[in-house]
Amino acid sequence: MAKMLVIYKTPADPAAFERHYHDIHVPLAKQLPGLRRYEISRSPIMNVLPGETPYRVAILYFDSPEAIRTAFASAIGRACAEDRRKFAGDDDLVTMLLFDTEPL
Protein backbone atom coordinates (compact mmCIF):
# COMPACT_ATOMS: atom_id res chain seq x y z
CA MET A 1 0.00 0.00 0.00
CA ALA A 2 1.24 3.49 -0.84
CA LYS A 3 0.55 6.47 1.35
CA MET A 4 0.59 10.22 1.20
CA LEU A 5 1.36 11.82 4.56
CA VAL A 6 0.43 15.52 4.80
CA ILE A 7 1.67 17.44 7.83
CA TYR A 8 0.26 20.92 8.40
CA LYS A 9 1.87 23.57 10.59
CA THR A 10 -0.35 25.72 12.79
CA PRO A 11 -2.26 28.14 10.56
CA ALA A 12 -2.60 31.85 11.24
CA ASP A 13 -6.38 31.40 11.59
CA PRO A 14 -7.15 27.88 12.89
CA ALA A 15 -10.93 28.38 12.74
CA ALA A 16 -10.80 29.39 9.06
CA PHE A 17 -8.45 26.48 8.33
CA GLU A 18 -10.86 24.00 9.96
CA ARG A 19 -13.90 25.35 8.12
CA HIS A 20 -12.22 25.21 4.74
CA TYR A 21 -10.48 21.89 5.38
CA HIS A 22 -13.62 20.05 6.50
CA ASP A 23 -16.21 21.79 4.32
CA ILE A 24 -14.29 22.05 1.05
CA HIS A 25 -10.96 20.24 0.94
CA VAL A 26 -11.86 16.87 2.47
CA PRO A 27 -14.96 16.37 0.27
CA LEU A 28 -12.86 17.29 -2.78
CA ALA A 29 -9.98 14.98 -1.82
CA LYS A 30 -12.36 12.07 -1.18
CA GLN A 31 -13.07 12.18 -4.94
CA LEU A 32 -9.44 11.42 -5.87
CA PRO A 33 -9.35 8.47 -8.26
CA GLY A 34 -7.92 5.38 -6.58
CA LEU A 35 -8.14 6.75 -3.03
CA ARG A 36 -8.68 3.78 -0.69
CA ARG A 37 -8.84 5.55 2.67
CA TYR A 38 -8.42 9.05 4.13
CA GLU A 39 -7.57 9.60 7.79
CA ILE A 40 -6.86 12.77 9.76
CA SER A 41 -5.43 13.33 13.20
CA ARG A 42 -7.47 14.27 16.21
CA SER A 43 -6.32 17.09 18.42
CA PRO A 44 -4.15 17.39 20.30
CA ILE A 45 -1.14 15.91 18.53
CA MET A 46 1.57 15.00 21.02
CA ASN A 47 5.15 15.51 19.91
CA VAL A 48 7.42 13.20 21.92
CA LEU A 49 10.61 14.87 20.68
CA PRO A 50 11.71 18.51 20.77
CA GLY A 51 10.53 20.61 17.86
CA GLU A 52 7.40 22.08 16.41
CA THR A 53 4.24 20.05 16.95
CA PRO A 54 2.13 19.69 13.80
CA TYR A 55 -1.35 21.18 13.77
CA ARG A 56 -2.98 18.48 11.63
CA VAL A 57 -1.80 15.27 9.96
CA ALA A 58 -3.61 13.53 7.11
CA ILE A 59 -2.89 10.10 5.64
CA LEU A 60 -4.24 9.15 2.22
CA TYR A 61 -4.02 5.50 1.15
CA PHE A 62 -3.60 4.24 -2.42
CA ASP A 63 -2.71 0.90 -4.00
CA SER A 64 0.67 2.03 -5.32
CA PRO A 65 2.92 5.04 -5.87
CA GLU A 66 1.74 5.05 -9.48
CA ALA A 67 -1.86 5.30 -8.26
CA ILE A 68 -0.89 8.42 -6.27
CA ARG A 69 0.74 9.98 -9.34
CA THR A 70 -2.32 9.15 -11.45
CA ALA A 71 -4.69 10.60 -8.83
CA PHE A 72 -2.84 13.90 -8.62
CA ALA A 73 -2.47 14.17 -12.39
CA SER A 74 -6.27 14.03 -12.70
CA ALA A 75 -8.54 17.08 -12.75
CA ILE A 76 -9.57 16.35 -9.14
CA GLY A 77 -5.91 16.02 -8.11
CA ARG A 78 -5.03 19.34 -9.67
CA ALA A 79 -8.05 20.93 -7.98
CA CYS A 80 -6.91 19.50 -4.62
CA ALA A 81 -3.43 20.96 -5.09
CA GLU A 82 -4.88 24.36 -5.99
CA ASP A 83 -7.34 24.26 -3.10
CA ARG A 84 -4.62 23.38 -0.57
CA ARG A 85 -3.00 26.74 -1.24
CA LYS A 86 -6.24 28.47 -0.20
CA PHE A 87 -6.19 27.18 3.38
CA ALA A 88 -2.56 26.15 3.95
CA GLY A 89 -0.88 28.91 1.98
CA ASP A 90 2.81 28.77 1.32
CA ASP A 91 4.67 25.50 0.83
CA ASP A 92 6.61 26.09 4.05
CA LEU A 93 3.36 25.56 6.01
CA VAL A 94 2.91 21.97 4.85
CA THR A 95 5.04 18.87 4.36
CA MET A 96 3.93 16.12 1.95
CA LEU A 97 5.56 12.72 1.95
CA LEU A 98 4.77 9.94 -0.53
CA PHE A 99 5.91 6.42 0.21
CA ASP A 100 5.19 2.77 -0.38
CA THR A 101 4.89 0.41 2.57
CA GLU A 102 5.71 -3.21 3.17
CA PRO A 103 4.23 -5.44 5.82
CA LEU A 104 6.65 -6.73 8.43
C-alpha atoms as a PDB file:
ATOM      1  CA  MET A   1       0.000   0.000   0.000  1.00  0.00           C
ATOM      2  CA  ALA A   2       1.241   3.489  -0.842  1.00  0.00           C
ATOM      3  CA  LYS A   3       0.546   6.474   1.348  1.00  0.00           C
ATOM      4  CA  MET A   4       0.594  10.221   1.202  1.00  0.00           C
ATOM      5  CA  LEU A   5       1.356  11.820   4.556  1.00  0.00           C
ATOM      6  CA  VAL A   6       0.431  15.517   4.803  1.00  0.00           C
ATOM      7  CA  ILE A   7       1.675  17.441   7.829  1.00  0.00           C
ATOM      8  CA  TYR A   8       0.259  20.924   8.398  1.00  0.00           C
ATOM      9  CA  LYS A   9       1.866  23.574  10.590  1.00  0.00           C
ATOM     10  CA  THR A  10      -0.353  25.724  12.794  1.00  0.00           C
ATOM     11  CA  PRO A  11      -2.263  28.137  10.556  1.00  0.00           C
ATOM     12  CA  ALA A  12      -2.595  31.850  11.236  1.00  0.00           C
ATOM     13  CA  ASP A  13      -6.381  31.395  11.594  1.00  0.00           C
ATOM     14  CA  PRO A  14      -7.149  27.880  12.892  1.00  0.00           C
ATOM     15  CA  ALA A  15     -10.934  28.382  12.743  1.00  0.00           C
ATOM     16  CA  ALA A  16     -10.805  29.390   9.064  1.00  0.00           C
ATOM     17  CA  PHE A  17      -8.451  26.478   8.332  1.00  0.00           C
ATOM     18  CA  GLU A  18     -10.857  24.004   9.960  1.00  0.00           C
ATOM     19  CA  ARG A  19     -13.900  25.349   8.123  1.00  0.00           C
ATOM     20  CA  HIS A  20     -12.215  25.207   4.737  1.00  0.00           C
ATOM     21  CA  TYR A  21     -10.481  21.886   5.378  1.00  0.00           C
ATOM     22  CA  HIS A  22     -13.625  20.048   6.503  1.00  0.00           C
ATOM     23  CA  ASP A  23     -16.215  21.786   4.322  1.00  0.00           C
ATOM     24  CA  ILE A  24     -14.290  22.054   1.048  1.00  0.00           C
ATOM     25  CA  HIS A  25     -10.958  20.239   0.939  1.00  0.00           C
ATOM     26  CA  VAL A  26     -11.861  16.867   2.468  1.00  0.00           C
ATOM     27  CA  PRO A  27     -14.964  16.368   0.269  1.00  0.00           C
ATOM     28  CA  LEU A  28     -12.865  17.289  -2.780  1.00  0.00           C
ATOM     29  CA  ALA A  29      -9.979  14.983  -1.824  1.00  0.00           C
ATOM     30  CA  LYS A  30     -12.361  12.073  -1.185  1.00  0.00           C
ATOM     31  CA  GLN A  31     -13.071  12.175  -4.940  1.00  0.00           C
ATOM     32  CA  LEU A  32      -9.437  11.418  -5.869  1.00  0.00           C
ATOM     33  CA  PRO A  33      -9.351   8.469  -8.265  1.00  0.00           C
ATOM     34  CA  GLY A  34      -7.919   5.381  -6.584  1.00  0.00           C
ATOM     35  CA  LEU A  35      -8.144   6.745  -3.026  1.00  0.00           C
ATOM     36  CA  ARG A  36      -8.679   3.783  -0.686  1.00  0.00           C
ATOM     37  CA  ARG A  37      -8.843   5.547   2.672  1.00  0.00           C
ATOM     38  CA  TYR A  38      -8.415   9.046   4.131  1.00  0.00           C
ATOM     39  CA  GLU A  39      -7.575   9.598   7.792  1.00  0.00           C
ATOM     40  CA  ILE A  40      -6.857  12.769   9.761  1.00  0.00           C
ATOM     41  CA  SER A  41      -5.425  13.329  13.201  1.00  0.00           C
ATOM     42  CA  ARG A  42      -7.466  14.267  16.212  1.00  0.00           C
ATOM     43  CA  SER A  43      -6.320  17.092  18.418  1.00  0.00           C
ATOM     44  CA  PRO A  44      -4.148  17.391  20.299  1.00  0.00           C
ATOM     45  CA  ILE A  45      -1.140  15.914  18.531  1.00  0.00           C
ATOM     46  CA  MET A  46       1.568  15.004  21.017  1.00  0.00           C
ATOM     47  CA  ASN A  47       5.150  15.508  19.913  1.00  0.00           C
ATOM     48  CA  VAL A  48       7.419  13.197  21.920  1.00  0.00           C
ATOM     49  CA  LEU A  49      10.607  14.873  20.681  1.00  0.00           C
ATOM     50  CA  PRO A  50      11.713  18.505  20.770  1.00  0.00           C
ATOM     51  CA  GLY A  51      10.533  20.607  17.856  1.00  0.00           C
ATOM     52  CA  GLU A  52       7.397  22.077  16.414  1.00  0.00           C
ATOM     53  CA  THR A  53       4.243  20.048  16.945  1.00  0.00           C
ATOM     54  CA  PRO A  54       2.125  19.686  13.800  1.00  0.00           C
ATOM     55  CA  TYR A  55      -1.355  21.180  13.774  1.00  0.00           C
ATOM     56  CA  ARG A  56      -2.978  18.481  11.629  1.00  0.00           C
ATOM     57  CA  VAL A  57      -1.799  15.266   9.962  1.00  0.00           C
ATOM     58  CA  ALA A  58      -3.612  13.527   7.108  1.00  0.00           C
ATOM     59  CA  ILE A  59      -2.892  10.105   5.642  1.00  0.00           C
ATOM     60  CA  LEU A  60      -4.236   9.148   2.222  1.00  0.00           C
ATOM     61  CA  TYR A  61      -4.021   5.502   1.145  1.00  0.00           C
ATOM     62  CA  PHE A  62      -3.598   4.241  -2.420  1.00  0.00           C
ATOM     63  CA  ASP A  63      -2.711   0.900  -3.997  1.00  0.00           C
ATOM     64  CA  SER A  64       0.673   2.032  -5.323  1.00  0.00           C
ATOM     65  CA  PRO A  65       2.922   5.038  -5.872  1.00  0.00           C
ATOM     66  CA  GLU A  66       1.743   5.047  -9.480  1.00  0.00           C
ATOM     67  CA  ALA A  67      -1.864   5.302  -8.256  1.00  0.00           C
ATOM     68  CA  ILE A  68      -0.888   8.422  -6.275  1.00  0.00           C
ATOM     69  CA  ARG A  69       0.741   9.980  -9.341  1.00  0.00           C
ATOM     70  CA  THR A  70      -2.319   9.154 -11.448  1.00  0.00           C
ATOM     71  CA  ALA A  71      -4.686  10.600  -8.833  1.00  0.00           C
ATOM     72  CA  PHE A  72      -2.844  13.904  -8.621  1.00  0.00           C
ATOM     73  CA  ALA A  73      -2.468  14.169 -12.391  1.00  0.00           C
ATOM     74  CA  SER A  74      -6.268  14.029 -12.701  1.00  0.00           C
ATOM     75  CA  ALA A  75      -8.540  17.075 -12.745  1.00  0.00           C
ATOM     76  CA  ILE A  76      -9.571  16.352  -9.144  1.00  0.00           C
ATOM     77  CA  GLY A  77      -5.915  16.015  -8.112  1.00  0.00           C
ATOM     78  CA  ARG A  78      -5.028  19.338  -9.674  1.00  0.00           C
ATOM     79  CA  ALA A  79      -8.052  20.929  -7.980  1.00  0.00           C
ATOM     80  CA  CYS A  80      -6.906  19.502  -4.615  1.00  0.00           C
ATOM     81  CA  ALA A  81      -3.429  20.958  -5.086  1.00  0.00           C
ATOM     82  CA  GLU A  82      -4.875  24.356  -5.988  1.00  0.00           C
ATOM     83  CA  ASP A  83      -7.336  24.262  -3.100  1.00  0.00           C
ATOM     84  CA  ARG A  84      -4.624  23.383  -0.566  1.00  0.00           C
ATOM     85  CA  ARG A  85      -2.996  26.737  -1.243  1.00  0.00           C
ATOM     86  CA  LYS A  86      -6.239  28.473  -0.200  1.00  0.00           C
ATOM     87  CA  PHE A  87      -6.194  27.178   3.382  1.00  0.00           C
ATOM     88  CA  ALA A  88      -2.560  26.149   3.950  1.00  0.00           C
ATOM     89  CA  GLY A  89      -0.885  28.911   1.979  1.00  0.00           C
ATOM     90  CA  ASP A  90       2.815  28.774   1.323  1.00  0.00           C
ATOM     91  CA  ASP A  91       4.674  25.501   0.832  1.00  0.00           C
ATOM     92  CA  ASP A  92       6.608  26.087   4.054  1.00  0.00           C
ATOM     93  CA  LEU A  93       3.360  25.560   6.014  1.00  0.00           C
ATOM     94  CA  VAL A  94       2.912  21.972   4.852  1.00  0.00           C
ATOM     95  CA  THR A  95       5.039  18.865   4.360  1.00  0.00           C
ATOM     96  CA  MET A  96       3.929  16.121   1.952  1.00  0.00           C
ATOM     97  CA  LEU A  97       5.563  12.715   1.954  1.00  0.00           C
ATOM     98  CA  LEU A  98       4.769   9.943  -0.530  1.00  0.00           C
ATOM     99  CA  PHE A  99       5.909   6.420   0.212  1.00  0.00           C
ATOM    100  CA  ASP A 100       5.191   2.772  -0.377  1.00  0.00           C
ATOM    101  CA  THR A 101       4.885   0.409   2.567  1.00  0.00           C
ATOM    102  CA  GLU A 102       5.711  -3.207   3.167  1.00  0.00           C
ATOM    103  CA  PRO A 103       4.230  -5.444   5.819  1.00  0.00           C
ATOM    104  CA  LEU A 104       6.652  -6.734   8.427  1.00  0.00           C
END
